[in-house]
Amino acid sequence: MPGFRTFAVPMAGMSGVPYRLFSLYDGIGAVLWAALGVATGRVFAREVTPLADRLEDTRAVVIYLGITGLLLFVLIKYLVRRRHGRTAIRNAN
């Protein structure tokens, strides 16, 4: 769990967990964490190349959608400011 490492050592010290037992559990957790990443990579290794090919094909679509979204945002901002005018920032003093 992200962030758990920050609290694990102080909590183990406050609860009186012996150093060797904490090291054992911490080592087991590190091995499990690394093994999970390696196992996930091994399972999905064959899918990486086809996925990269699909992403290469859709890159242009994503770029066009992003540019269209940006242009629509600017157009809407322009129309709102044209209709309502600019907001005046007033000094509180």
PDB file of N, CA and C in Angstrom:
ATOM      1  N   MET A   1       0.844  -1.177   0.000  1.00  0.00           N
ATOM      2  CA  MET A   1       0.000   0.000   0.000  1.00  0.00           C
ATOM      3  C   MET A   1       0.890   1.241   0.000  1.00  0.00           C
ATOM      4  N   PRO A   2       0.622   2.165  -0.888  1.00  0.00           N
ATOM      5  CA  PRO A   2       1.418   3.389  -0.909  1.00  0.00           C
ATOM      6  C   PRO A   2       1.259   4.153   0.401  1.00  0.00           C
ATOM      7  N   GLY A   3       2.359   4.631   0.915  1.00  0.00           N
ATOM      8  CA  GLY A   3       2.334   5.408   2.147  1.00  0.00           C
ATOM      9  C   GLY A   3       2.446   4.575   3.413  1.00  0.00           C
ATOM     10  N   PHE A   4       2.216   3.277   3.323  1.00  0.00           N
ATOM     11  CA  PHE A   4       2.282   2.429   4.514  1.00  0.00           C
ATOM     12  C   PHE A   4       3.703   2.345   5.043  1.00  0.00           C
ATOM     13  N   ARG A   5       4.664   2.387   4.143  1.00  0.00           N
ATOM     14  CA  ARG A   5       6.073   2.299   4.540  1.00  0.00           C
ATOM     15  C   ARG A   5       6.447   3.430   5.489  1.00  0.00           C
ATOM     16  N   THR A   6       5.833   4.580   5.329  1.00  0.00           N
ATOM     17  CA  THR A   6       6.125   5.722   6.180  1.00  0.00           C
ATOM     18  C   THR A   6       5.762   5.452   7.634  1.00  0.00           C
ATOM     19  N   PHE A   7       4.693   4.697   7.837  1.00  0.00           N
ATOM     20  CA  PHE A   7       4.214   4.453   9.195  1.00  0.00           C
ATOM     21  C   PHE A   7       4.637   3.098   9.758  1.00  0.00           C
ATOM     22  N   ALA A   8       5.142   2.198   8.923  1.00  0.00           N
ATOM     23  CA  ALA A   8       5.436   0.841   9.374  1.00  0.00           C
ATOM     24  C   ALA A   8       6.517   0.813  10.441  1.00  0.00           C
ATOM     25  N   VAL A   9       7.627   1.478  10.223  1.00  0.00           N
ATOM     26  CA  VAL A   9       8.741   1.429  11.169  1.00  0.00           C
ATOM     27  C   VAL A   9       8.378   2.099  12.492  1.00  0.00           C
ATOM     28  N   PRO A  10       7.826   3.326  12.502  1.00  0.00           N
ATOM     29  CA  PRO A  10       7.461   3.913  13.797  1.00  0.00           C
ATOM     30  C   PRO A  10       6.412   3.100  14.555  1.00  0.00           C
ATOM     31  N   MET A  11       5.444   2.546  13.828  1.00  0.00           N
ATOM     32  CA  MET A  11       4.414   1.747  14.504  1.00  0.00           C
ATOM     33  C   MET A  11       4.999   0.460  15.077  1.00  0.00           C
ATOM     34  N   ALA A  12       5.923  -0.159  14.353  1.00  0.00           N
ATOM     35  CA  ALA A  12       6.572  -1.371  14.866  1.00  0.00           C
ATOM     36  C   ALA A  12       7.389  -1.042  16.107  1.00  0.00           C
ATOM     37  N   GLY A  13       8.063   0.090  16.096  1.00  0.00           N
ATOM     38  CA  GLY A  13       8.836   0.494  17.274  1.00  0.00           C
ATOM     39  C   GLY A  13       7.953   0.808  18.462  1.00  0.00           C
ATOM     40  N   MET A  14       6.842   1.486  18.226  1.00  0.00           N
ATOM     41  CA  MET A  14       5.927   1.831  19.325  1.00  0.00           C
ATOM     42  C   MET A  14       5.248   0.605  19.909  1.00  0.00           C
ATOM     43  N   SER A  15       5.013  -0.405  19.070  1.00  0.00           N
ATOM     44  CA  SER A  15       4.329  -1.592  19.573  1.00  0.00           C
ATOM     45  C   SER A  15       5.297  -2.638  20.110  1.00  0.00           C
ATOM     46  N   GLY A  16       6.589  -2.384  20.014  1.00  0.00           N
ATOM     47  CA  GLY A  16       7.574  -3.278  20.606  1.00  0.00           C
ATOM     48  C   GLY A  16       7.886  -4.521  19.795  1.00  0.00           C
ATOM     49  N   VAL A  17       7.720  -4.467  18.468  1.00  0.00           N
ATOM     50  CA  VAL A  17       8.057  -5.610  17.622  1.00  0.00           C
ATOM     51  C   VAL A  17       9.578  -5.749  17.592  1.00  0.00           C
ATOM     52  N   PRO A  18      10.097  -6.948  17.871  1.00  0.00           N
ATOM     53  CA  PRO A  18      11.553  -7.135  17.824  1.00  0.00           C
ATOM     54  C   PRO A  18      12.111  -6.841  16.435  1.00  0.00           C
ATOM     55  N   TYR A  19      13.355  -6.358  16.402  1.00  0.00           N
ATOM     56  CA  TYR A  19      13.991  -5.951  15.149  1.00  0.00           C
ATOM     57  C   TYR A  19      14.053  -7.101  14.150  1.00  0.00           C
ATOM     58  N   ARG A  20      14.436  -8.289  14.612  1.00  0.00           N
ATOM     59  CA  ARG A  20      14.563  -9.427  13.694  1.00  0.00           C
ATOM     60  C   ARG A  20      13.215  -9.829  13.108  1.00  0.00           C
ATOM     61  N   LEU A  21      12.176  -9.824  13.908  1.00  0.00           N
ATOM     62  CA  LEU A  21      10.851 -10.182  13.411  1.00  0.00           C
ATOM     63  C   LEU A  21      10.356  -9.149  12.404  1.00  0.00           C
ATOM     64  N   PHE A  22      10.574  -7.868  12.710  1.00  0.00           N
ATOM     65  CA  PHE A  22      10.188  -6.817  11.775  1.00  0.00           C
ATOM     66  C   PHE A  22      10.947  -6.962  10.461  1.00  0.00           C
ATOM     67  N   SER A  23      12.256  -7.237  10.541  1.00  0.00           N
ATOM     68  CA  SER A  23      13.057  -7.411   9.326  1.00  0.00           C
ATOM     69  C   SER A  23      12.568  -8.593   8.506  1.00  0.00           C
ATOM     70  N   LEU A  24      12.200  -9.681   9.189  1.00  0.00           N
ATOM     71  CA  LEU A  24      11.675 -10.847   8.487  1.00  0.00           C
ATOM     72  C   LEU A  24      10.387 -10.498   7.740  1.00  0.00           C
ATOM     73  N   TYR A  25       9.444  -9.877   8.433  1.00  0.00           N
ATOM     74  CA  TYR A  25       8.177  -9.513   7.795  1.00  0.00           C
ATOM     75  C   TYR A  25       8.377  -8.479   6.689  1.00  0.00           C
ATOM     76  N   ASP A  26       9.270  -7.547   6.915  1.00  0.00           N
ATOM     77  CA  ASP A  26       9.538  -6.527   5.912  1.00  0.00           C
ATOM     78  C   ASP A  26      10.171  -7.161   4.672  1.00  0.00           C
ATOM     79  N   GLY A  27      11.067  -8.098   4.870  1.00  0.00           N
ATOM     80  CA  GLY A  27      11.698  -8.803   3.751  1.00  0.00           C
ATOM     81  C   GLY A  27      10.700  -9.637   2.968  1.00  0.00           C
ATOM     82  N   ILE A  28       9.825 -10.334   3.690  1.00  0.00           N
ATOM     83  CA  ILE A  28       8.789 -11.123   3.013  1.00  0.00           C
ATOM     84  C   ILE A  28       7.885 -10.212   2.191  1.00  0.00           C
ATOM     85  N   GLY A  29       7.515  -9.070   2.747  1.00  0.00           N
ATOM     86  CA  GLY A  29       6.676  -8.119   2.012  1.00  0.00           C
ATOM     87  C   GLY A  29       7.372  -7.581   0.774  1.00  0.00           C
ATOM     88  N   ALA A  30       8.674  -7.300   0.884  1.00  0.00           N
ATOM     89  CA  ALA A  30       9.422  -6.793  -0.274  1.00  0.00           C
ATOM     90  C   ALA A  30       9.507  -7.841  -1.376  1.00  0.00           C
ATOM     91  N   VAL A  31       9.740  -9.094  -0.981  1.00  0.00           N
ATOM     92  CA  VAL A  31       9.824 -10.169  -1.973  1.00  0.00           C
ATOM     93  C   VAL A  31       8.467 -10.367  -2.660  1.00  0.00           C
ATOM     94  N   LEU A  32       7.387 -10.350  -1.883  1.00  0.00           N
ATOM     95  CA  LEU A  32       6.053 -10.494  -2.477  1.00  0.00           C
ATOM     96  C   LEU A  32       5.734  -9.345  -3.425  1.00  0.00           C
ATOM     97  N   TRP A  33       6.099  -8.137  -3.030  1.00  0.00           N
ATOM     98  CA  TRP A  33       5.848  -6.965  -3.866  1.00  0.00           C
ATOM     99  C   TRP A  33       6.603  -7.072  -5.193  1.00  0.00           C
ATOM    100  N   ALA A  34       7.881  -7.448  -5.129  1.00  0.00           N
ATOM    101  CA  ALA A  34       8.680  -7.586  -6.349  1.00  0.00           C
ATOM    102  C   ALA A  34       8.168  -8.744  -7.200  1.00  0.00           C
ATOM    103  N   ALA A  35       7.808  -9.856  -6.555  1.00  0.00           N
ATOM    104  CA  ALA A  35       7.318 -11.022  -7.296  1.00  0.00           C
ATOM    105  C   ALA A  35       6.016 -10.701  -8.020  1.00  0.00           C
ATOM    106  N   LEU A  36       5.174  -9.890  -7.402  1.00  0.00           N
ATOM    107  CA  LEU A  36       3.926  -9.505  -8.060  1.00  0.00           C
ATOM    108  C   LEU A  36       4.194  -8.717  -9.338  1.00  0.00           C
ATOM    109  N   GLY A  37       5.148  -7.796  -9.281  1.00  0.00           N
ATOM    110  CA  GLY A  37       5.494  -7.021 -10.476  1.00  0.00           C
ATOM    111  C   GLY A  37       6.090  -7.886 -11.568  1.00  0.00           C
ATOM    112  N   VAL A  38       6.980  -8.795 -11.198  1.00  0.00           N
ATOM    113  CA  VAL A  38       7.601  -9.683 -12.186  1.00  0.00           C
ATOM    114  C   VAL A  38       6.562 -10.625 -12.782  1.00  0.00           C
ATOM    115  N   ALA A  39       5.686 -11.180 -11.940  1.00  0.00           N
ATOM    116  CA  ALA A  39       4.655 -12.101 -12.436  1.00  0.00           C
ATOM    117  C   ALA A  39       3.688 -11.390 -13.377  1.00  0.00           C
ATOM    118  N   THR A  40       3.315 -10.168 -13.036  1.00  0.00           N
ATOM    119  CA  THR A  40       2.429  -9.398 -13.912  1.00  0.00           C
ATOM    120  C   THR A  40       3.100  -9.133 -15.254  1.00  0.00           C
ATOM    121  N   GLY A  41       4.373  -8.782 -15.234  1.00  0.00           N
ATOM    122  CA  GLY A  41       5.112  -8.575 -16.478  1.00  0.00           C
ATOM    123  C   GLY A  41       5.213  -9.833 -17.310  1.00  0.00           C
ATOM    124  N   ARG A  42       5.408 -10.945 -16.635  1.00  0.00           N
ATOM    125  CA  ARG A  42       5.510 -12.219 -17.361  1.00  0.00           C
ATOM    126  C   ARG A  42       4.176 -12.601 -17.997  1.00  0.00           C
ATOM    127  N   VAL A  43       3.089 -12.368 -17.287  1.00  0.00           N
ATOM    128  CA  VAL A  43       1.767 -12.717 -17.815  1.00  0.00           C
ATOM    129  C   VAL A  43       1.416 -11.857 -19.035  1.00  0.00           C
ATOM    130  N   PHE A  44       1.722 -10.567 -18.952  1.00  0.00           N
ATOM    131  CA  PHE A  44       1.311  -9.648 -20.017  1.00  0.00           C
ATOM    132  C   PHE A  44       2.414  -9.354 -21.030  1.00  0.00           C
ATOM    133  N   ALA A  45       3.521 -10.090 -21.009  1.00  0.00           N
ATOM    134  CA  ALA A  45       4.645  -9.812 -21.912  1.00  0.00           C
ATOM    135  C   ALA A  45       4.248  -9.939 -23.376  1.00  0.00           C
ATOM    136  N   ARG A  46       3.415 -10.915 -23.688  1.00  0.00           N
ATOM    137  CA  ARG A  46       3.018 -11.123 -25.084  1.00  0.00           C
ATOM    138  C   ARG A  46       2.060 -10.048 -25.582  1.00  0.00           C
ATOM    139  N   GLU A  47       1.431  -9.341 -24.668  1.00  0.00           N
ATOM    140  CA  GLU A  47       0.443  -8.329 -25.055  1.00  0.00           C
ATOM    141  C   GLU A  47       1.061  -6.958 -25.315  1.00  0.00           C
ATOM    142  N   VAL A  48       2.310  -6.760 -24.940  1.00  0.00           N
ATOM    143  CA  VAL A  48       2.916  -5.427 -25.031  1.00  0.00           C
ATOM    144  C   VAL A  48       3.090  -4.983 -26.479  1.00  0.00           C
ATOM    145  N   THR A  49       3.601  -5.849 -27.331  1.00  0.00           N
ATOM    146  CA  THR A  49       3.837  -5.465 -28.729  1.00  0.00           C
ATOM    147  C   THR A  49       2.539  -5.156 -29.470  1.00  0.00           C
ATOM    148  N   PRO A  50       1.500  -6.024 -29.389  1.00  0.00           N
ATOM    149  CA  PRO A  50       0.241  -5.651 -30.058  1.00  0.00           C
ATOM    150  C   PRO A  50      -0.380  -4.373 -29.481  1.00  0.00           C
ATOM    151  N   LEU A  51      -0.247  -4.180 -28.194  1.00  0.00           N
ATOM    152  CA  LEU A  51      -0.786  -2.964 -27.585  1.00  0.00           C
ATOM    153  C   LEU A  51      -0.050  -1.730 -28.091  1.00  0.00           C
ATOM    154  N   ALA A  52       1.266  -1.823 -28.207  1.00  0.00           N
ATOM    155  CA  ALA A  52       2.050  -0.700 -28.733  1.00  0.00           C
ATOM    156  C   ALA A  52       1.667  -0.401 -30.175  1.00  0.00           C
ATOM    157  N   ASP A  53       1.406  -1.447 -30.955  1.00  0.00           N
ATOM    158  CA  ASP A  53       0.973  -1.229 -32.342  1.00  0.00           C
ATOM    159  C   ASP A  53      -0.378  -0.525 -32.400  1.00  0.00           C
ATOM    160  N   ARG A  54      -1.289  -0.932 -31.528  1.00  0.00           N
ATOM    161  CA  ARG A  54      -2.611  -0.278 -31.487  1.00  0.00           C
ATOM    162  C   ARG A  54      -2.496   1.178 -31.061  1.00  0.00           C
ATOM    163  N   LEU A  55      -1.639   1.444 -30.089  1.00  0.00           N
ATOM    164  CA  LEU A  55      -1.450   2.824 -29.642  1.00  0.00           C
ATOM    165  C   LEU A  55      -0.850   3.679 -30.750  1.00  0.00           C
ATOM    166  N   GLU A  56       0.038   3.101 -31.531  1.00  0.00           N
ATOM    167  CA  GLU A  56       0.623   3.830 -32.661  1.00  0.00           C
ATOM    168  C   GLU A  56      -0.460   4.208 -33.667  1.00  0.00           C
ATOM    169  N   ASP A  57      -1.420   3.310 -33.889  1.00  0.00           N
ATOM    170  CA  ASP A  57      -2.506   3.586 -34.833  1.00  0.00           C
ATOM    171  C   ASP A  57      -3.458   4.661 -34.317  1.00  0.00           C
ATOM    172  N   THR A  58      -3.660   4.717 -33.016  1.00  0.00           N
ATOM    173  CA  THR A  58      -4.631   5.662 -32.460  1.00  0.00           C
ATOM    174  C   THR A  58      -4.012   6.993 -32.059  1.00  0.00           C
ATOM    175  N   ARG A  59      -2.706   7.149 -32.221  1.00  0.00           N
ATOM    176  CA  ARG A  59      -2.050   8.393 -31.817  1.00  0.00           C
ATOM    177  C   ARG A  59      -2.642   9.604 -32.529  1.00  0.00           C
ATOM    178  N   ALA A  60      -2.861   9.493 -33.833  1.00  0.00           N
ATOM    179  CA  ALA A  60      -3.401  10.621 -34.604  1.00  0.00           C
ATOM    180  C   ALA A  60      -4.802  10.981 -34.127  1.00  0.00           C
ATOM    181  N   VAL A  61      -5.616   9.986 -33.823  1.00  0.00           N
ATOM    182  CA  VAL A  61      -6.979  10.248 -33.339  1.00  0.00           C
ATOM    183  C   VAL A  61      -6.936  10.997 -32.015  1.00  0.00           C
ATOM    184  N   VAL A  62      -6.058  10.568 -31.125  1.00  0.00           N
ATOM    185  CA  VAL A  62      -5.953  11.221 -29.815  1.00  0.00           C
ATOM    186  C   VAL A  62      -5.474  12.664 -29.981  1.00  0.00           C
ATOM    187  N   ILE A  63      -4.521  12.887 -30.863  1.00  0.00           N
ATOM    188  CA  ILE A  63      -4.024  14.251 -31.097  1.00  0.00           C
ATOM    189  C   ILE A  63      -5.135  15.133 -31.663  1.00  0.00           C
ATOM    190  N   TYR A  64      -5.878  14.630 -32.626  1.00  0.00           N
ATOM    191  CA  TYR A  64      -6.986  15.409 -33.194  1.00  0.00           C
ATOM    192  C   TYR A  64      -8.059  15.703 -32.150  1.00  0.00           C
ATOM    193  N   LEU A  65      -8.374  14.725 -31.326  1.00  0.00           N
ATOM    194  CA  LEU A  65      -9.365  14.959 -30.268  1.00  0.00           C
ATOM    195  C   LEU A  65      -8.881  16.000 -29.270  1.00  0.00           C
ATOM    196  N   GLY A  66      -7.616  15.955 -28.925  1.00  0.00           N
ATOM    197  CA  GLY A  66      -7.058  16.944 -28.005  1.00  0.00           C
ATOM    198  C   GLY A  66      -7.089  18.348 -28.584  1.00  0.00           C
ATOM    199  N   ILE A  67      -6.695  18.484 -29.840  1.00  0.00           N
ATOM    200  CA  ILE A  67      -6.713  19.796 -30.495  1.00  0.00           C
ATOM    201  C   ILE A  67      -8.147  20.307 -30.622  1.00  0.00           C
ATOM    202  N   THR A  68      -9.080  19.418 -30.984  1.00  0.00           N
ATOM    203  CA  THR A  68     -10.489  19.811 -31.089  1.00  0.00           C
ATOM    204  C   THR A  68     -11.032  20.265 -29.740  1.00  0.00           C
ATOM    205  N   GLY A  69     -10.697  19.538 -28.684  1.00  0.00           N
ATOM    206  CA  GLY A  69     -11.142  19.926 -27.342  1.00  0.00           C
ATOM    207  C   GLY A  69     -10.586  21.277 -26.937  1.00  0.00           C
ATOM    208  N   LEU A  70      -9.316  21.518 -27.227  1.00  0.00           N
ATOM    209  CA  LEU A  70      -8.705  22.807 -26.905  1.00  0.00           C
ATOM    210  C   LEU A  70      -9.361  23.939 -27.686  1.00  0.00           C
ATOM    211  N   LEU A  71      -9.611  23.718 -28.966  1.00  0.00           N
ATOM    212  CA  LEU A  71     -10.266  24.752 -29.778  1.00  0.00           C
ATOM    213  C   LEU A  71     -11.691  25.026 -29.291  1.00  0.00           C
ATOM    214  N   LEU A  72     -12.420  23.982 -28.919  1.00  0.00           N
ATOM    215  CA  LEU A  72     -13.767  24.186 -28.379  1.00  0.00           C
ATOM    216  C   LEU A  72     -13.731  24.968 -27.071  1.00  0.00           C
ATOM    217  N   PHE A  73     -12.767  24.667 -26.216  1.00  0.00           N
ATOM    218  CA  PHE A  73     -12.627  25.398 -24.959  1.00  0.00           C
ATOM    219  C   PHE A  73     -12.378  26.881 -25.216  1.00  0.00           C
ATOM    220  N   VAL A  74     -11.458  27.183 -26.124  1.00  0.00           N
ATOM    221  CA  VAL A  74     -11.154  28.588 -26.443  1.00  0.00           C
ATOM    222  C   VAL A  74     -12.364  29.272 -27.061  1.00  0.00           C
ATOM    223  N   LEU A  75     -13.077  28.583 -27.933  1.00  0.00           N
ATOM    224  CA  LEU A  75     -14.271  29.152 -28.549  1.00  0.00           C
ATOM    225  C   LEU A  75     -15.347  29.457 -27.512  1.00  0.00           C
ATOM    226  N   ILE A  76     -15.578  28.527 -26.596  1.00  0.00           N
ATOM    227  CA  ILE A  76     -16.588  28.743 -25.557  1.00  0.00           C
ATOM    228  C   ILE A  76     -16.194  29.906 -24.661  1.00  0.00           C
ATOM    229  N   LYS A  77     -14.909  29.975 -24.285  1.00  0.00           N
ATOM    230  CA  LYS A  77     -14.445  31.105 -23.464  1.00  0.00           C
ATOM    231  C   LYS A  77     -14.644  32.431 -24.203  1.00  0.00           C
ATOM    232  N   TYR A  78     -14.355  32.447 -25.486  1.00  0.00           N
ATOM    233  CA  TYR A  78     -14.530  33.654 -26.282  1.00  0.00           C
ATOM    234  C   TYR A  78     -15.998  34.064 -26.321  1.00  0.00           C
ATOM    235  N   LEU A  79     -16.885  33.103 -26.566  1.00  0.00           N
ATOM    236  CA  LEU A  79     -18.311  33.420 -26.659  1.00  0.00           C
ATOM    237  C   LEU A  79     -18.869  33.886 -25.320  1.00  0.00           C
ATOM    238  N   VAL A  80     -18.452  33.282 -24.234  1.00  0.00           N
ATOM    239  CA  VAL A  80     -18.929  33.704 -22.911  1.00  0.00           C
ATOM    240  C   VAL A  80     -18.446  35.113 -22.603  1.00  0.00           C
ATOM    241  N   ARG A  81     -17.192  35.415 -22.894  1.00  0.00           N
ATOM    242  CA  ARG A  81     -16.675  36.764 -22.625  1.00  0.00           C
ATOM    243  C   ARG A  81     -17.315  37.797 -23.541  1.00  0.00           C
ATOM    244  N   ARG A  82     -17.621  37.409 -24.763  1.00  0.00           N
ATOM    245  CA  ARG A  82     -18.262  38.334 -25.678  1.00  0.00           C
ATOM    246  C   ARG A  82     -19.676  38.650 -25.214  1.00  0.00           C
ATOM    247  N   ARG A  83     -20.358  37.634 -24.679  1.00  0.00           N
ATOM    248  CA  ARG A  83     -21.736  37.831 -24.240  1.00  0.00           C
ATOM    249  C   ARG A  83     -21.822  38.564 -22.908  1.00  0.00           C
ATOM    250  N   HIS A  84     -20.961  38.208 -21.954  1.00  0.00           N
ATOM    251  CA  HIS A  84     -21.060  38.754 -20.601  1.00  0.00           C
ATOM    252  C   HIS A  84     -20.012  39.799 -20.276  1.00  0.00           C
ATOM    253  N   GLY A  85     -19.041  39.965 -21.113  1.00  0.00           N
ATOM    254  CA  GLY A  85     -17.978  40.921 -20.831  1.00  0.00           C
ATOM    255  C   GLY A  85     -16.964  40.322 -19.868  1.00  0.00           C
ATOM    256  N   ARG A  86     -15.891  41.053 -19.676  1.00  0.00           N
ATOM    257  CA  ARG A  86     -14.850  40.575 -18.763  1.00  0.00           C
ATOM    258  C   ARG A  86     -15.236  40.898 -17.337  1.00  0.00           C
ATOM    259  N   THR A  87     -14.804  40.056 -16.434  1.00  0.00           N
ATOM    260  CA  THR A  87     -15.077  40.276 -15.022  1.00  0.00           C
ATOM    261  C   THR A  87     -14.066  41.260 -14.475  1.00  0.00           C
ATOM    262  N   ALA A  88     -14.569  42.259 -13.786  1.00  0.00           N
ATOM    263  CA  ALA A  88     -13.692  43.241 -13.162  1.00  0.00           C
ATOM    264  C   ALA A  88     -13.267  42.728 -11.793  1.00  0.00           C
ATOM    265  N   ILE A  89     -11.984  42.794 -11.523  1.00  0.00           N
ATOM    266  CA  ILE A  89     -11.478  42.401 -10.210  1.00  0.00           C
ATOM    267  C   ILE A  89     -11.434  43.642  -9.355  1.00  0.00           C
ATOM    268  N   ARG A  90     -12.169  43.605  -8.284  1.00  0.00           N
ATOM    269  CA  ARG A  90     -12.252  44.771  -7.413  1.00  0.00           C
ATOM    270  C   ARG A  90     -11.321  44.614  -6.235  1.00  0.00           C
ATOM    271  N   ASN A  91     -10.718  45.676  -5.849  1.00  0.00           N
ATOM    272  CA  ASN A  91      -9.808  45.692  -4.701  1.00  0.00           C
ATOM    273  C   ASN A  91     -10.643  45.770  -3.423  1.00  0.00           C
ATOM    274  N   ALA A  92     -10.362  44.916  -2.446  1.00  0.00           N
ATOM    275  CA  ALA A  92     -11.129  44.877  -1.209  1.00  0.00           C
ATOM    276  C   ALA A  92     -10.835  46.053  -0.294  1.00  0.00           C
ATOM    277  N   ASN A  93      -9.750  46.742  -0.532  1.00  0.00           N
ATOM    278  CA  ASN A  93      -9.393  47.866   0.364  1.00  0.00           C
ATOM    279  C   ASN A  93     -10.156  49.105   0.036  1.00  0.00           C
TER     280      ASN A  93
END
